[in-house]
Protein backbone atom coordinates (compact mmCIF):
# COMPACT_ATOMS: atom_id res chain seq x y z
CA MET A 1 0.01 -0.01 0.00
CA ASP A 2 3.04 2.35 -0.01
CA GLY A 3 2.46 5.32 -2.30
CA SER A 4 -1.38 4.81 -2.40
CA THR A 5 -3.71 7.65 -2.56
CA PRO A 6 -5.82 8.33 0.55
CA PHE A 7 -8.90 7.01 -1.23
CA GLU A 8 -7.15 3.78 -2.12
CA LEU A 9 -5.93 3.37 1.55
CA LEU A 10 -9.48 3.94 2.77
CA LYS A 11 -10.94 1.52 0.22
CA ALA A 12 -8.32 -1.18 1.31
CA VAL A 13 -9.25 -0.62 5.01
CA ASP A 14 -12.92 -0.97 4.21
CA GLU A 15 -12.28 -4.20 2.30
CA SER A 16 -10.16 -5.58 5.16
CA ILE A 17 -12.97 -4.78 7.62
CA LYS A 18 -15.54 -6.44 5.49
CA LYS A 19 -13.46 -9.58 5.32
CA HIS A 20 -13.17 -9.79 9.07
CA GLU A 21 -16.51 -8.42 10.23
CA PHE A 22 -19.05 -10.76 11.78
CA ASN A 23 -22.76 -10.73 11.67
CA ASP A 24 -24.33 -10.03 15.07
CA ALA A 25 -27.33 -12.05 13.99
CA MET A 26 -25.26 -15.19 13.91
CA PRO A 27 -25.62 -16.80 17.36
CA GLU A 28 -22.14 -18.25 17.40
CA TYR A 29 -20.63 -14.69 17.51
CA GLN A 30 -23.02 -13.04 20.02
CA ASP A 31 -20.93 -14.10 22.96
CA ALA A 32 -17.64 -13.60 21.25
CA TRP A 33 -14.76 -11.62 22.81
CA ARG A 34 -13.95 -8.74 20.53
CA GLY A 35 -10.61 -6.98 20.34
CA ILE A 36 -7.89 -5.45 18.26
CA HIS A 37 -4.88 -7.64 17.43
CA PHE A 38 -1.57 -5.66 17.33
CA ARG A 39 2.20 -5.98 17.73
CA VAL A 40 4.55 -4.32 20.07
CA GLY A 41 8.21 -5.41 19.53
CA GLU A 42 8.05 -9.22 19.23
CA LEU A 43 4.88 -9.42 21.37
CA SER A 44 1.59 -10.10 19.72
CA LEU A 45 -1.12 -8.44 21.94
CA LEU A 46 -4.88 -7.96 22.02
CA ALA A 47 -6.80 -4.92 23.26
CA PRO A 48 -10.45 -5.22 24.28
CA ILE A 49 -12.49 -3.42 21.69
CA LEU A 50 -14.57 -1.60 24.31
CA GLN A 51 -11.40 0.08 25.65
CA VAL A 52 -10.25 1.52 22.33
CA ARG A 53 -12.13 4.66 21.39
CA GLU A 54 -10.54 4.97 18.01
CA VAL A 55 -7.52 4.21 15.90
CA ILE A 56 -5.58 7.05 14.16
CA HIS A 57 -2.51 7.66 12.10
CA PRO A 58 0.35 9.22 13.99
CA THR A 59 0.43 12.91 13.49
CA GLN A 60 2.79 15.72 14.28
CA LEU A 61 3.45 15.94 18.01
CA LEU A 62 4.08 18.84 20.33
CA THR A 63 6.93 17.45 22.47
CA LEU A 64 7.11 18.08 26.16
CA PRO A 65 10.19 18.81 28.19
CA ARG A 66 11.61 16.73 31.04
CA ILE A 67 9.45 13.63 30.73
CA LYS A 68 10.13 9.99 30.28
CA ARG A 69 11.19 8.77 26.90
CA TRP A 70 7.99 6.83 26.26
CA VAL A 71 5.89 9.94 26.41
CA LYS A 72 6.14 11.18 22.87
CA GLY A 73 4.09 14.38 23.19
CA VAL A 74 0.66 15.87 22.76
CA ILE A 75 -1.61 16.06 19.76
CA GLN A 76 -4.83 17.90 19.17
CA LEU A 77 -7.67 15.57 18.16
CA ARG A 78 -10.86 17.29 17.27
CA GLY A 79 -10.25 20.09 19.78
CA GLU A 80 -9.03 17.87 22.62
CA LEU A 81 -5.51 17.39 23.73
CA VAL A 82 -4.33 13.77 23.67
CA LEU A 83 -1.10 12.59 25.32
CA ILE A 84 0.69 10.15 23.06
CA ASN A 85 2.80 7.30 24.52
CA ASP A 86 5.09 4.82 22.85
CA LEU A 87 3.82 1.46 24.04
CA SER A 88 6.83 -0.49 22.94
CA ASP A 89 9.16 2.00 24.68
CA PHE A 90 7.20 1.69 27.93
CA LEU A 91 6.73 -2.06 27.95
CA LEU A 92 9.99 -3.20 26.29
CA ASN A 93 12.29 -0.19 26.59
CA SER A 94 12.48 -0.21 22.76
CA PRO A 95 11.26 2.87 20.97
CA THR A 96 8.84 2.42 18.02
CA ASP A 97 10.00 3.35 14.59
CA ILE A 98 7.04 5.28 13.06
CA ASP A 99 6.26 4.07 9.53
CA LEU A 100 3.07 3.73 7.33
CA LYS A 101 1.93 0.73 9.49
CA GLY A 102 2.15 2.52 12.76
CA ARG A 103 -0.99 3.61 14.50
CA VAL A 104 -2.25 5.27 17.65
CA LEU A 105 -4.76 3.49 19.82
CA VAL A 106 -6.87 6.13 21.60
CA ILE A 107 -8.14 5.10 24.96
CA GLU A 108 -10.69 6.95 26.95
CA HIS A 109 -10.11 6.55 30.75
CA GLN A 110 -11.80 8.64 33.36
CA HIS A 111 -13.09 11.12 30.78
CA GLU A 112 -9.57 11.73 29.40
CA LYS A 113 -8.16 10.45 26.11
CA VAL A 114 -4.71 8.97 26.04
CA GLY A 115 -3.02 7.64 22.90
CA PHE A 116 -0.65 4.62 22.63
CA LEU A 117 1.64 4.37 19.59
CA VAL A 118 1.92 0.80 18.30
CA PRO A 119 4.02 -0.22 15.26
CA HIS A 120 1.46 -2.50 13.63
CA ILE A 121 -2.23 -3.33 13.87
CA TYR A 122 -3.22 -6.70 12.35
CA ARG A 123 -6.98 -6.69 12.49
CA ILE A 124 -10.15 -6.59 14.61
CA LEU A 125 -11.06 -9.99 15.94
CA ALA A 126 -14.20 -11.76 17.26
CA LEU A 127 -12.97 -14.74 19.16
CA LYS A 128 -15.26 -17.38 20.41
CA ALA A 129 -12.44 -19.71 21.53
CA PRO A 130 -12.02 -19.86 25.33
CA LYS A 131 -9.22 -17.88 26.88
CA VAL A 132 -6.07 -19.89 27.63
CA GLN A 133 -6.19 -21.07 31.20
CA SER A 134 -2.46 -21.25 31.95
CA TRP A 135 0.10 -19.04 30.39
CA GLU A 136 3.27 -17.24 31.33
CA ASN A 137 2.94 -13.50 31.55
CA PRO A 138 5.94 -12.29 29.43
CA LEU A 139 6.08 -8.86 31.17
CA GLN A 140 5.17 -10.00 34.80
CA CYS A 141 2.71 -7.18 35.13
CA ASP A 142 -0.92 -6.72 36.25
CA TYR A 143 -2.19 -5.18 33.04
CA LEU A 144 -1.83 -8.43 31.01
CA LYS A 145 -4.72 -10.31 32.40
CA GLN A 146 -5.54 -13.26 30.13
CA ALA A 147 -4.46 -14.72 26.79
CA PHE A 148 -6.11 -16.13 23.66
CA LYS A 149 -4.67 -18.33 20.91
CA VAL A 150 -4.71 -16.43 17.63
CA GLU A 151 -3.42 -18.43 14.67
CA ASN A 152 -1.48 -20.78 16.90
CA GLN A 153 0.15 -17.89 18.73
CA LEU A 154 -0.44 -16.94 22.34
CA CYS A 155 -1.68 -13.34 22.55
CA PRO A 156 -2.08 -11.70 25.94
CA VAL A 157 -4.89 -9.22 26.50
CA LEU A 158 -3.54 -5.74 27.47
CA ASP A 159 -5.92 -3.96 29.91
CA PHE A 160 -5.30 -0.35 29.16
CA HIS A 161 -7.30 0.80 32.09
CA LYS A 162 -4.98 -1.11 34.50
CA LEU A 163 -1.92 0.15 32.66
CA LEU A 164 -3.14 3.80 33.05
CA GLN A 165 -3.27 3.18 36.76
CA ASP A 166 0.13 1.61 37.03
CA SER A 167 2.49 3.59 39.27
CA LYS A 168 5.46 3.22 36.86
CA PHE A 169 3.33 4.52 33.94
CA LEU A 170 2.06 7.50 36.05
CA GLN A 171 5.55 8.67 36.90
CA THR A 172 6.38 10.50 33.71
CA ASN A 173 8.53 13.31 34.99
CA ILE A 174 12.28 12.87 34.92
CA ILE A 175 13.01 15.41 37.60
């Protein structure tokens, strides 16, 4: 899709959504867990669809002084300021290289919007498979709460609301 016009990109996204969308009238999908499948470093993760307000392209940021490296800056999104964080830098201490596949997951938490830069979003999923009962938490943290098998790969679910309450995440000042 490199070099495509905005219309072609929009058309490709629409076709991708149509391929993966499910019919709510189909009983086997009514109780399905729904989420966004994305990658951070080598980790394949899931985000609950109800926690993600929207997905946007990274835009020009206003950088902030004396803050942790994972806080990339602030953007204006339809008249609201949104703090943008590099999820890979926070979780894995490895900054994200922003390219055409990079996106920002916008989360609304306690009436505030917060953005998380991720290098790649695979798709939106409706999973009816049960969560994996035993799995090893690769980050040893409270915000990875369960995991699903997606295409024979174990994918933990990242609870953004728990992440946004984590004391390490809340300490953004360097001073």
